[in-house]
Structure formats: structure tokens, C-alpha cells
Amino acid sequence: MHLNVIEHPLVEHKLTVLRDKKTPSSTFRSLVDELVMLLTYEATRNVAVEPVEIETPVAPTTGVMLSEPRPLVVPILRAGLGMLDGMTQMMPTAEVGFLGMRRDENTLEIETYANRLPADLSGREVYVLDPMLATGHTLVATIEYLIEHNAKRIVCLCILATPEGIEEIDKKIGDRADVTVVTAAMDEGLNEKSYIVPGLGDAGDRLYGVVD
């Protein structure tokens, strides 16, 4: 497993506004789009491309385009949906699949309640969208599924991550697959309720306007 924590003034600025509990949902959603676009730029640095011949208004030239099969973007419902627009703005030709997963707040176990992914992922580069890498259980379950279905390469985009979550992925996945986690920040860790500290609250609630 590889870890890439993006260090950039614009990323830090946008993340600071996201963390502020006074930031309204409309602003929060816009900033998530912008932040995901910045994360996507780094996350796709090694995306597969192939040469193509084109003609500019001046002369023929050789460029590159995304290779087939096209990358697959997988937002984890529901909070991952809030990251989808930013990702597809950067990769509009990517295909999109969905996984619905939720954590039982008592047992912390992960349950899958929706699955709209191809049965065979052979040769596919998969980009998983999940804003909060807390315990790591959700991402581990997702990565395990993708490995079982022969994904070629898996890149997880997270707005925040924790040492506990990274350790869980490293322990459960290790070097069994080509997995990279790209995040805007590594936070201090988890509190007794497994919430990220300092975090930004519940990303799903803040994206969709349900805030205590």
C-alpha cells in the first residue's frame, strides 16, 4: 500500500474552511468539489494512457488519451457521492459504479447494502471515493471486493485519513494489490466513538444539510 498526503497551500486553505462548523452546506459542497479536483490531479498522476495521432489547426502531432478499458470511479454511498462531481469534472470519460456500505455504530462492522459494479474488473484502474478514512473498515471491505474481482490498480481518494485507518489497510491488504491512498490530511486519530479528531464532523450530514 502506498500513501500520498497532499501538501499544498490551496488544499490546506480549502480544508480549513471545510473543517469550520460555521461553513454552510452549499459552501461545503462547492469546496469538496474543488478539493477533490486537486486530489484527482495527484491521484491520476500514473493513470494509464496511450498515444494517439491528431491534427491541430497547424500540423499533425502525437498526443495521449486515457487507455481502454476506461478508469472506473466508485463513490461509496452516501458521502462518496459528494466527491463524484469533482472527480468526473477531471475525468469525464471515466465510467461510474456504486457501492453502498454502512458501519454498524454498535459493532463497527461494515454492511454492504448496494452494489452496482461490473462483475469482472480485469485490467481496470479503480478510483474509490470516500471522504473519511476513519477506522479503515469500509475501505478494506471495498478493496477486498475489488481485489476479488481482479481490479488492476486501486486508488482511494479521501479528504481526511487517520493513522488507525492507514494501519488497518496496511495490515489487511498489505502488498496483495496495487493500492494507493491519496488524502488532503492525516489527522490526529479517532476518539472513543471512532470519530476523526479534529476532523470535520459527519461528511454526509454536512454535504446534505443534516447537522446537529
Protein backbone atom coordinates (compact mmCIF):
# COMPACT_ATOMS: atom_id res chain seq x y z
CA MET A 1 0.00 0.00 0.00
CA HIS A 2 1.18 3.49 -0.85
CA LEU A 3 0.17 6.71 0.94
CA ASN A 4 0.17 10.19 -0.60
CA VAL A 5 -0.69 13.11 1.71
CA ILE A 6 -1.10 16.20 -0.49
CA GLU A 7 0.74 19.20 0.92
CA HIS A 8 -0.29 22.38 -0.89
CA PRO A 9 -1.42 25.81 0.37
CA LEU A 10 -4.68 25.70 -1.64
CA VAL A 11 -5.53 22.26 -0.28
CA GLU A 12 -4.84 23.41 3.28
CA HIS A 13 -6.90 26.58 2.81
CA LYS A 14 -9.94 24.75 1.45
CA LEU A 15 -9.67 22.07 4.10
CA THR A 16 -9.61 24.69 6.86
CA VAL A 17 -12.89 26.15 5.62
CA LEU A 18 -14.39 22.64 5.37
CA ARG A 19 -13.48 21.94 8.98
CA ASP A 20 -15.18 25.11 10.28
CA LYS A 21 -18.55 24.16 11.75
CA LYS A 22 -19.96 27.53 10.64
CA THR A 23 -19.45 26.69 6.94
CA PRO A 24 -22.92 26.18 5.35
CA SER A 25 -23.73 23.08 3.30
CA SER A 26 -23.77 24.97 0.00
CA THR A 27 -20.23 26.24 0.56
CA PHE A 28 -19.16 22.86 1.92
CA ARG A 29 -20.31 21.10 -1.27
CA SER A 30 -18.53 23.60 -3.52
CA LEU A 31 -15.31 23.27 -1.57
CA VAL A 32 -15.49 19.47 -1.68
CA ASP A 33 -15.72 19.67 -5.49
CA GLU A 34 -12.69 21.95 -5.64
CA LEU A 35 -10.69 19.87 -3.18
CA VAL A 36 -11.49 16.61 -4.97
CA MET A 37 -10.32 18.13 -8.25
CA LEU A 38 -6.98 18.93 -6.63
CA LEU A 39 -6.74 15.43 -5.15
CA THR A 40 -7.66 13.91 -8.53
CA TYR A 41 -4.80 15.73 -10.19
CA GLU A 42 -2.37 13.91 -7.91
CA ALA A 43 -4.28 10.62 -7.78
CA THR A 44 -4.22 10.24 -11.57
CA ARG A 45 -0.54 11.03 -12.00
CA ASN A 46 0.08 7.42 -13.12
CA VAL A 47 -3.22 6.78 -14.91
CA ALA A 48 -2.82 4.56 -17.97
CA VAL A 49 -2.68 6.44 -21.29
CA GLU A 50 -1.92 5.52 -24.89
CA PRO A 51 -0.56 7.56 -27.81
CA VAL A 52 -2.95 8.94 -30.42
CA GLU A 53 -2.39 10.76 -33.68
CA ILE A 54 -4.30 14.03 -34.10
CA GLU A 55 -4.20 17.15 -36.23
CA THR A 56 -4.08 20.61 -34.73
CA PRO A 57 -5.15 23.62 -36.85
CA VAL A 58 -1.46 23.92 -37.74
CA ALA A 59 0.05 20.43 -38.09
CA PRO A 60 -0.27 16.73 -37.23
CA THR A 61 1.06 15.69 -33.83
CA THR A 62 1.07 12.81 -31.36
CA GLY A 63 -0.79 13.16 -28.06
CA VAL A 64 -2.12 10.82 -25.41
CA MET A 65 -5.58 9.76 -24.26
CA LEU A 66 -6.83 7.56 -21.44
CA SER A 67 -6.38 3.90 -22.26
CA GLU A 68 -9.13 1.30 -22.61
CA PRO A 69 -10.69 -0.07 -20.53
CA ARG A 70 -11.59 3.31 -19.12
CA PRO A 71 -10.96 4.09 -15.43
CA LEU A 72 -13.80 3.20 -13.09
CA VAL A 73 -14.85 5.68 -10.39
CA VAL A 74 -16.58 4.15 -7.37
CA PRO A 75 -18.13 6.51 -4.78
CA ILE A 76 -19.05 4.76 -1.54
CA LEU A 77 -22.62 5.77 -0.71
CA ARG A 78 -23.72 8.12 0.60
CA ALA A 79 -20.93 10.56 1.44
CA GLY A 80 -18.79 9.47 -1.50
CA LEU A 81 -21.44 10.85 -3.86
CA GLY A 82 -20.44 14.32 -2.73
CA MET A 83 -17.00 13.73 -4.26
CA LEU A 84 -18.24 12.41 -7.60
CA ASP A 85 -18.76 15.71 -9.45
CA GLY A 86 -15.25 16.91 -8.70
CA MET A 87 -13.77 13.64 -9.90
CA THR A 88 -15.80 13.40 -13.11
CA GLN A 89 -15.04 17.01 -14.00
CA MET A 90 -11.40 15.96 -14.17
CA MET A 91 -12.09 12.58 -15.84
CA PRO A 92 -15.36 12.97 -17.78
CA THR A 93 -14.78 9.79 -19.83
CA ALA A 94 -14.44 7.56 -16.77
CA GLU A 95 -17.17 5.05 -16.01
CA VAL A 96 -19.00 5.21 -12.66
CA GLY A 97 -20.09 2.36 -10.41
CA PHE A 98 -21.54 2.45 -6.89
CA LEU A 99 -21.06 0.64 -3.60
CA GLY A 100 -23.39 1.23 -0.67
CA MET A 101 -21.74 0.47 2.65
CA ARG A 102 -22.57 1.46 6.20
CA ARG A 103 -20.94 0.94 9.55
CA ASP A 104 -22.94 -0.52 12.40
CA GLU A 105 -22.43 2.07 15.12
CA ASN A 106 -22.52 -0.61 17.82
CA THR A 107 -20.32 -3.35 16.34
CA LEU A 108 -18.39 -1.11 13.88
CA GLU A 109 -18.81 -3.92 11.32
CA ILE A 110 -19.35 -2.99 7.66
CA GLU A 111 -22.53 -3.99 5.83
CA THR A 112 -22.98 -3.78 2.04
CA TYR A 113 -26.49 -2.74 1.02
CA ALA A 114 -26.00 -1.73 -2.63
CA ASN A 115 -23.68 -2.89 -5.41
CA ARG A 116 -23.65 -1.52 -8.95
CA LEU A 117 -20.25 -2.63 -10.23
CA PRO A 118 -19.14 -4.79 -13.18
CA ALA A 119 -18.67 -8.45 -12.26
CA ASP A 120 -15.24 -8.55 -13.93
CA LEU A 121 -12.76 -5.76 -13.25
CA SER A 122 -9.80 -7.34 -15.04
CA GLY A 123 -7.42 -4.67 -16.32
CA ARG A 124 -9.41 -1.85 -14.70
CA GLU A 125 -7.98 1.06 -12.75
CA VAL A 126 -10.48 1.84 -9.98
CA TYR A 127 -10.76 5.14 -8.11
CA VAL A 128 -12.64 4.81 -4.82
CA LEU A 129 -14.23 7.93 -3.31
CA ASP A 130 -14.75 8.03 0.47
CA PRO A 131 -14.29 11.36 2.26
CA MET A 132 -13.40 10.00 5.70
CA LEU A 133 -10.86 7.23 6.27
CA ALA A 134 -11.56 6.62 9.97
CA THR A 135 -11.29 3.01 11.19
CA GLY A 136 -10.46 1.79 7.68
CA HIS A 137 -13.08 -0.96 7.82
CA THR A 138 -15.16 0.42 4.94
CA LEU A 139 -12.20 0.88 2.62
CA VAL A 140 -10.79 -2.54 3.50
CA ALA A 141 -14.13 -4.16 2.63
CA THR A 142 -14.25 -2.20 -0.63
CA ILE A 143 -10.67 -3.01 -1.58
CA GLU A 144 -11.21 -6.70 -0.78
CA TYR A 145 -14.20 -6.75 -3.14
CA LEU A 146 -12.22 -5.05 -5.93
CA ILE A 147 -9.29 -7.45 -5.48
CA GLU A 148 -11.63 -10.45 -5.65
CA HIS A 149 -12.97 -9.12 -8.95
CA ASN A 150 -9.48 -8.68 -10.42
CA ALA A 151 -9.04 -4.89 -10.36
CA LYS A 152 -5.64 -3.98 -11.78
CA ARG A 153 -4.97 -0.92 -9.62
CA ILE A 154 -6.92 0.74 -6.81
CA VAL A 155 -6.60 4.40 -5.79
CA CYS A 156 -8.61 5.63 -2.78
CA LEU A 157 -9.32 9.37 -2.56
CA CYS A 158 -10.10 10.57 0.98
CA ILE A 159 -10.42 14.12 2.25
CA LEU A 160 -9.19 13.06 5.71
CA ALA A 161 -7.35 9.98 6.95
CA THR A 162 -6.17 8.68 10.32
CA PRO A 163 -3.15 6.63 11.36
CA GLU A 164 -5.56 3.93 12.57
CA GLY A 165 -7.26 3.71 9.18
CA ILE A 166 -3.98 3.56 7.27
CA GLU A 167 -2.68 0.89 9.63
CA GLU A 168 -5.84 -1.18 9.11
CA ILE A 169 -5.49 -1.09 5.34
CA ASP A 170 -1.79 -1.88 5.52
CA LYS A 171 -2.45 -4.81 7.89
CA LYS A 172 -5.39 -6.31 5.99
CA ILE A 173 -4.30 -5.57 2.40
CA GLY A 174 -0.52 -5.13 2.55
CA ASP A 175 1.12 -5.84 -0.80
CA ARG A 176 -1.59 -8.16 -2.12
CA ALA A 177 -2.65 -5.49 -4.61
CA ASP A 178 -1.51 -2.19 -6.09
CA VAL A 179 -3.33 0.15 -3.68
CA THR A 180 -2.72 3.86 -3.10
CA VAL A 181 -4.45 6.18 -0.64
CA VAL A 182 -4.48 9.88 -1.58
CA THR A 183 -5.63 12.29 1.13
CA ALA A 184 -5.66 16.00 1.90
CA ALA A 185 -4.58 15.49 5.53
CA MET A 186 -3.55 12.92 8.11
CA ASP A 187 -5.46 13.82 11.28
CA GLU A 188 -4.55 13.03 14.88
CA GLY A 189 -6.68 9.90 15.18
CA LEU A 190 -10.01 8.60 16.48
CA ASN A 191 -11.92 9.41 19.65
CA GLU A 192 -13.83 6.87 21.76
CA LYS A 193 -16.72 6.95 19.25
CA SER A 194 -14.37 6.33 16.30
CA TYR A 195 -14.86 9.87 15.01
CA ILE A 196 -11.90 11.57 13.36
CA VAL A 197 -10.20 14.24 15.52
CA PRO A 198 -10.08 17.14 14.79
CA GLY A 199 -11.95 16.04 11.66
CA LEU A 200 -14.80 17.98 10.12
CA GLY A 201 -17.86 16.21 11.54
CA ASP A 202 -20.05 13.81 9.58
CA ALA A 203 -19.22 14.48 5.93
CA GLY A 204 -22.55 13.08 4.68
CA ASP A 205 -24.58 15.23 7.05
CA ARG A 206 -22.63 18.36 6.18
CA LEU A 207 -22.86 17.71 2.45
CA TYR A 208 -26.61 17.22 2.52
CA GLY A 209 -27.62 19.66 5.22
CA VAL A 210 -28.40 17.38 8.18
CA VAL A 211 -26.37 18.87 11.01
CA ASP A 212 -26.93 18.70 14.77
